[in-house]
PDB file of N, CA and C in Angstrom:
ATOM      1  N   MET A   1     -15.045-193.009  86.679  1.00  0.00           N
ATOM      2  CA  MET A   1     -14.791-194.429  86.804  1.00  0.00           C
ATOM      3  C   MET A   1     -13.405-194.720  86.212  1.00  0.00           C
ATOM      4  N   THR A   2     -12.625-195.503  86.944  1.00  0.00           N
ATOM      5  CA  THR A   2     -11.310-195.888  86.449  1.00  0.00           C
ATOM      6  C   THR A   2     -11.421-197.178  85.664  1.00  0.00           C
ATOM      7  N   ASN A   3     -10.331-197.604  85.079  1.00  0.00           N
ATOM      8  CA  ASN A   3     -10.341-198.835  84.288  1.00  0.00           C
ATOM      9  C   ASN A   3     -10.527-200.072  85.146  1.00  0.00           C
ATOM     10  N   LEU A   4     -10.245-199.995  86.448  1.00  0.00           N
ATOM     11  CA  LEU A   4     -10.348-201.158  87.319  1.00  0.00           C
ATOM     12  C   LEU A   4     -11.754-201.370  87.854  1.00  0.00           C
ATOM     13  N   GLU A   5     -12.602-200.334  87.807  1.00  0.00           N
ATOM     14  CA  GLU A   5     -13.958-200.460  88.334  1.00  0.00           C
ATOM     15  C   GLU A   5     -14.863-201.134  87.312  1.00  0.00           C
ATOM     16  N   LYS A   6     -15.736-201.992  87.816  1.00  0.00           N
ATOM     17  CA  LYS A   6     -16.694-202.663  86.945  1.00  0.00           C
ATOM     18  C   LYS A   6     -17.999-201.873  86.954  1.00  0.00           C
ATOM     19  N   PRO A   7     -18.678-201.770  85.823  1.00  0.00           N
ATOM     20  CA  PRO A   7     -19.961-201.071  85.801  1.00  0.00           C
ATOM     21  C   PRO A   7     -21.014-201.863  86.566  1.00  0.00           C
ATOM     22  N   GLU A   8     -21.970-201.149  87.115  1.00  0.00           N
ATOM     23  CA  GLU A   8     -23.060-201.785  87.860  1.00  0.00           C
ATOM     24  C   GLU A   8     -23.983-202.515  86.892  1.00  0.00           C
ATOM     25  N   PRO A   9     -24.545-203.665  87.284  1.00  0.00           N
ATOM     26  CA  PRO A   9     -25.497-204.368  86.414  1.00  0.00           C
ATOM     27  C   PRO A   9     -26.741-203.525  86.179  1.00  0.00           C
ATOM     28  N   GLN A  10     -27.307-203.643  85.003  1.00  0.00           N
ATOM     29  CA  GLN A  10     -28.486-202.875  84.632  1.00  0.00           C
ATOM     30  C   GLN A  10     -29.757-203.604  85.055  1.00  0.00           C
ATOM     31  N   SER A  11     -30.740-202.882  85.470  1.00  0.00           N
ATOM     32  CA  SER A  11     -32.104-203.336  85.755  1.00  0.00           C
ATOM     33  C   SER A  11     -32.170-204.545  86.692  1.00  0.00           C
ATOM     34  N   GLY A  12     -31.408-204.542  87.753  1.00  0.00           N
ATOM     35  CA  GLY A  12     -31.514-205.573  88.783  1.00  0.00           C
ATOM     36  C   GLY A  12     -31.040-206.940  88.376  1.00  0.00           C
ATOM     37  N   GLN A  13     -30.096-207.042  87.466  1.00  0.00           N
ATOM     38  CA  GLN A  13     -29.621-208.340  87.020  1.00  0.00           C
ATOM     39  C   GLN A  13     -28.877-209.080  88.124  1.00  0.00           C
ATOM     40  N   HIS A  14     -28.335-208.389  89.095  1.00  0.00           N
ATOM     41  CA  HIS A  14     -27.573-209.046  90.155  1.00  0.00           C
ATOM     42  C   HIS A  14     -28.474-209.787  91.130  1.00  0.00           C
ATOM     43  N   ASP A  15     -29.787-209.529  91.096  1.00  0.00           N
ATOM     44  CA  ASP A  15     -30.721-210.208  92.003  1.00  0.00           C
ATOM     45  C   ASP A  15     -31.284-211.496  91.413  1.00  0.00           C
ATOM     46  N   ALA A  16     -31.089-211.739  90.123  1.00  0.00           N
ATOM     47  CA  ALA A  16     -31.685-212.900  89.473  1.00  0.00           C
ATOM     48  C   ALA A  16     -30.932-214.172  89.861  1.00  0.00           C
ATOM     49  N   PRO A  17     -31.657-215.216  90.326  1.00  0.00           N
ATOM     50  CA  PRO A  17     -30.992-216.492  90.632  1.00  0.00           C
ATOM     51  C   PRO A  17     -30.599-217.202  89.342  1.00  0.00           C
ATOM     52  N   PRO A  18     -29.584-218.065  89.380  1.00  0.00           N
ATOM     53  CA  PRO A  18     -29.198-218.788  88.162  1.00  0.00           C
ATOM     54  C   PRO A  18     -30.297-219.746  87.733  1.00  0.00           C
ATOM     55  N   ALA A  19     -30.424-219.953  86.437  1.00  0.00           N
ATOM     56  CA  ALA A  19     -31.442-220.856  85.899  1.00  0.00           C
ATOM     57  C   ALA A  19     -31.113-222.291  86.292  1.00  0.00           C
ATOM     58  N   GLN A  20     -32.138-223.110  86.430  1.00  0.00           N
ATOM     59  CA  GLN A  20     -31.952-224.492  86.868  1.00  0.00           C
ATOM     60  C   GLN A  20     -31.270-225.352  85.812  1.00  0.00           C
ATOM     61  N   ASN A  21     -31.494-225.066  84.532  1.00  0.00           N
ATOM     62  CA  ASN A  21     -30.950-225.931  83.493  1.00  0.00           C
ATOM     63  C   ASN A  21     -29.585-225.472  82.998  1.00  0.00           C
ATOM     64  N   GLU A  22     -28.998-224.449  83.592  1.00  0.00           N
ATOM     65  CA  GLU A  22     -27.670-224.016  83.178  1.00  0.00           C
ATOM     66  C   GLU A  22     -26.616-224.998  83.671  1.00  0.00           C
ATOM     67  N   ASP A  23     -25.476-224.994  83.007  1.00  0.00           N
ATOM     68  CA  ASP A  23     -24.357-225.828  83.418  1.00  0.00           C
ATOM     69  C   ASP A  23     -23.846-225.318  84.760  1.00  0.00           C
ATOM     70  N   ASP A  24     -23.791-226.189  85.749  1.00  0.00           N
ATOM     71  CA  ASP A  24     -23.352-225.780  87.077  1.00  0.00           C
ATOM     72  C   ASP A  24     -21.872-226.034  87.305  1.00  0.00           C
ATOM     73  N   GLY A  25     -21.124-226.369  86.265  1.00  0.00           N
ATOM     74  CA  GLY A  25     -19.694-226.568  86.398  1.00  0.00           C
ATOM     75  C   GLY A  25     -19.288-228.001  86.660  1.00  0.00           C
ATOM     76  N   ARG A  26     -20.245-228.859  86.988  1.00  0.00           N
ATOM     77  CA  ARG A  26     -19.908-230.265  87.228  1.00  0.00           C
ATOM     78  C   ARG A  26     -19.768-230.996  85.910  1.00  0.00           C
ATOM     79  N   PRO A  27     -18.765-231.863  85.770  1.00  0.00           N
ATOM     80  CA  PRO A  27     -18.607-232.597  84.517  1.00  0.00           C
ATOM     81  C   PRO A  27     -19.742-233.587  84.309  1.00  0.00           C
ATOM     82  N   LYS A  28     -20.064-233.837  83.059  1.00  0.00           N
ATOM     83  CA  LYS A  28     -21.139-234.764  82.711  1.00  0.00           C
ATOM     84  C   LYS A  28     -20.530-236.133  82.440  1.00  0.00           C
ATOM     85  N   PHE A  29     -20.276-236.909  83.502  1.00  0.00           N
ATOM     86  CA  PHE A  29     -19.617-238.201  83.347  1.00  0.00           C
ATOM     87  C   PHE A  29     -20.513-239.222  82.660  1.00  0.00           C
ATOM     88  N   GLY A  30     -21.804-239.143  82.820  1.00  0.00           N
ATOM     89  CA  GLY A  30     -22.712-240.075  82.166  1.00  0.00           C
ATOM     90  C   GLY A  30     -22.649-239.940  80.658  1.00  0.00           C
ATOM     91  N   ARG A  31     -22.689-238.714  80.170  1.00  0.00           N
ATOM     92  CA  ARG A  31     -22.613-238.468  78.735  1.00  0.00           C
ATOM     93  C   ARG A  31     -21.251-238.871  78.190  1.00  0.00           C
ATOM     94  N   LEU A  32     -20.213-238.562  78.930  1.00  0.00           N
ATOM     95  CA  LEU A  32     -18.858-238.928  78.514  1.00  0.00           C
ATOM     96  C   LEU A  32     -18.704-240.441  78.443  1.00  0.00           C
ATOM     97  N   LEU A  33     -19.271-241.157  79.402  1.00  0.00           N
ATOM     98  CA  LEU A  33     -19.197-242.614  79.406  1.00  0.00           C
ATOM     99  C   LEU A  33     -19.930-243.206  78.213  1.00  0.00           C
ATOM    100  N   LEU A  34     -21.094-242.660  77.880  1.00  0.00           N
ATOM    101  CA  LEU A  34     -21.826-243.159  76.714  1.00  0.00           C
ATOM    102  C   LEU A  34     -21.052-242.935  75.423  1.00  0.00           C
ATOM    103  N   VAL A  35     -20.451-241.785  75.275  1.00  0.00           N
ATOM    104  CA  VAL A  35     -19.662-241.502  74.073  1.00  0.00           C
ATOM    105  C   VAL A  35     -18.455-242.430  74.005  1.00  0.00           C
ATOM    106  N   LEU A  36     -17.811-242.665  75.140  1.00  0.00           N
ATOM    107  CA  LEU A  36     -16.657-243.559  75.183  1.00  0.00           C
ATOM    108  C   LEU A  36     -17.054-244.985  74.806  1.00  0.00           C
ATOM    109  N   LEU A  37     -18.149-245.482  75.351  1.00  0.00           N
ATOM    110  CA  LEU A  37     -18.615-246.831  75.021  1.00  0.00           C
ATOM    111  C   LEU A  37     -19.003-246.940  73.542  1.00  0.00           C
ATOM    112  N   PHE A  38     -19.620-245.909  73.001  1.00  0.00           N
ATOM    113  CA  PHE A  38     -19.978-245.916  71.585  1.00  0.00           C
ATOM    114  C   PHE A  38     -18.718-245.966  70.727  1.00  0.00           C
ATOM    115  N   ALA A  39     -17.705-245.192  71.090  1.00  0.00           N
ATOM    116  CA  ALA A  39     -16.459-245.167  70.315  1.00  0.00           C
ATOM    117  C   ALA A  39     -15.757-246.527  70.364  1.00  0.00           C
ATOM    118  N   VAL A  40     -15.709-247.139  71.532  1.00  0.00           N
ATOM    119  CA  VAL A  40     -15.068-248.451  71.665  1.00  0.00           C
ATOM    120  C   VAL A  40     -15.850-249.494  70.861  1.00  0.00           C
ATOM    121  N   GLY A  41     -17.171-249.458  70.943  1.00  0.00           N
ATOM    122  CA  GLY A  41     -17.991-250.392  70.168  1.00  0.00           C
ATOM    123  C   GLY A  41     -17.808-250.223  68.679  1.00  0.00           C
ATOM    124  N   LEU A  42     -17.671-248.979  68.233  1.00  0.00           N
ATOM    125  CA  LEU A  42     -17.451-248.726  66.814  1.00  0.00           C
ATOM    126  C   LEU A  42     -16.096-249.267  66.365  1.00  0.00           C
ATOM    127  N   ILE A  43     -15.085-249.094  67.182  1.00  0.00           N
ATOM    128  CA  ILE A  43     -13.760-249.626  66.851  1.00  0.00           C
ATOM    129  C   ILE A  43     -13.784-251.151  66.794  1.00  0.00           C
ATOM    130  N   VAL A  44     -14.468-251.783  67.735  1.00  0.00           N
ATOM    131  CA  VAL A  44     -14.570-253.251  67.743  1.00  0.00           C
ATOM    132  C   VAL A  44     -15.312-253.733  66.498  1.00  0.00           C
ATOM    133  N   ALA A  45     -16.395-253.054  66.142  1.00  0.00           N
ATOM    134  CA  ALA A  45     -17.164-253.453  64.960  1.00  0.00           C
ATOM    135  C   ALA A  45     -16.324-253.306  63.692  1.00  0.00           C
ATOM    136  N   ILE A  46     -15.587-252.218  63.576  1.00  0.00           N
ATOM    137  CA  ILE A  46     -14.731-252.017  62.399  1.00  0.00           C
ATOM    138  C   ILE A  46     -13.633-253.070  62.354  1.00  0.00           C
ATOM    139  N   THR A  47     -13.074-253.422  63.511  1.00  0.00           N
ATOM    140  CA  THR A  47     -12.021-254.429  63.567  1.00  0.00           C
ATOM    141  C   THR A  47     -12.535-255.787  63.090  1.00  0.00           C
ATOM    142  N   PHE A  48     -13.692-256.211  63.604  1.00  0.00           N
ATOM    143  CA  PHE A  48     -14.249-257.504  63.184  1.00  0.00           C
ATOM    144  C   PHE A  48     -14.643-257.488  61.713  1.00  0.00           C
ATOM    145  N   ALA A  49     -15.182-256.374  61.240  1.00  0.00           N
ATOM    146  CA  ALA A  49     -15.596-256.301  59.837  1.00  0.00           C
ATOM    147  C   ALA A  49     -14.392-256.377  58.901  1.00  0.00           C
ATOM    148  N   THR A  50     -13.331-255.668  59.219  1.00  0.00           N
ATOM    149  CA  THR A  50     -12.153-255.711  58.355  1.00  0.00           C
ATOM    150  C   THR A  50     -11.461-257.065  58.432  1.00  0.00           C
ATOM    151  N   GLU A  51     -11.457-257.676  59.602  1.00  0.00           N
ATOM    152  CA  GLU A  51     -10.865-259.009  59.750  1.00  0.00           C
ATOM    153  C   GLU A  51     -11.640-260.029  58.920  1.00  0.00           C
ATOM    154  N   ALA A  52     -12.962-259.966  58.963  1.00  0.00           N
ATOM    155  CA  ALA A  52     -13.775-260.893  58.168  1.00  0.00           C
ATOM    156  C   ALA A  52     -13.602-260.636  56.685  1.00  0.00           C
ATOM    157  N   TYR A  53     -13.475-259.386  56.289  1.00  0.00           N
ATOM    158  CA  TYR A  53     -13.303-259.057  54.876  1.00  0.00           C
ATOM    159  C   TYR A  53     -11.956-259.545  54.356  1.00  0.00           C
ATOM    160  N   HIS A  54     -10.904-259.339  55.103  1.00  0.00           N
ATOM    161  CA  HIS A  54      -9.582-259.730  54.646  1.00  0.00           C
ATOM    162  C   HIS A  54      -9.378-261.248  54.696  1.00  0.00           C
ATOM    163  N   ASN A  55      -9.987-261.934  55.633  1.00  0.00           N
ATOM    164  CA  ASN A  55      -9.833-263.378  55.735  1.00  0.00           C
ATOM    165  C   ASN A  55     -10.700-264.123  54.724  1.00  0.00           C
ATOM    166  N   SER A  56     -11.746-263.519  54.232  1.00  0.00           N
ATOM    167  CA  SER A  56     -12.636-264.213  53.294  1.00  0.00           C
ATOM    168  C   SER A  56     -11.977-264.391  51.922  1.00  0.00           C
ATOM    169  N   GLY A  57     -11.079-263.533  51.549  1.00  0.00           N
ATOM    170  CA  GLY A  57     -10.447-263.645  50.246  1.00  0.00           C
ATOM    171  C   GLY A  57      -9.090-264.300  50.259  1.00  0.00           C
ATOM    172  N   SER A  58      -8.619-264.732  51.429  1.00  0.00           N
ATOM    173  CA  SER A  58      -7.269-265.257  51.507  1.00  0.00           C
ATOM    174  C   SER A  58      -7.182-266.781  51.436  1.00  0.00           C
ATOM    175  N   ALA A  59      -8.314-267.465  51.321  1.00  0.00           N
ATOM    176  CA  ALA A  59      -8.288-268.933  51.256  1.00  0.00           C
ATOM    177  C   ALA A  59      -7.814-269.360  49.880  1.00  0.00           C
ATOM    178  N   LEU A  60      -6.811-270.229  49.812  1.00  0.00           N
ATOM    179  CA  LEU A  60      -6.269-270.660  48.519  1.00  0.00           C
ATOM    180  C   LEU A  60      -6.715-272.047  48.154  1.00  0.00           C
TER     181      LEU A  60
END
């Protein structure tokens, strides 16, 4: 066997179909959208909280 040849799969592994729950290469846009919305909501919440905190002590 030369360095360019690939070894044969052992015990019939080449006949096995891919599992149904494996990643099929398609991006998970639903999960990405949920994470994005959570991040934006967290930023908005932090912005309002810091604005309320800083404005509460500035009244003279």
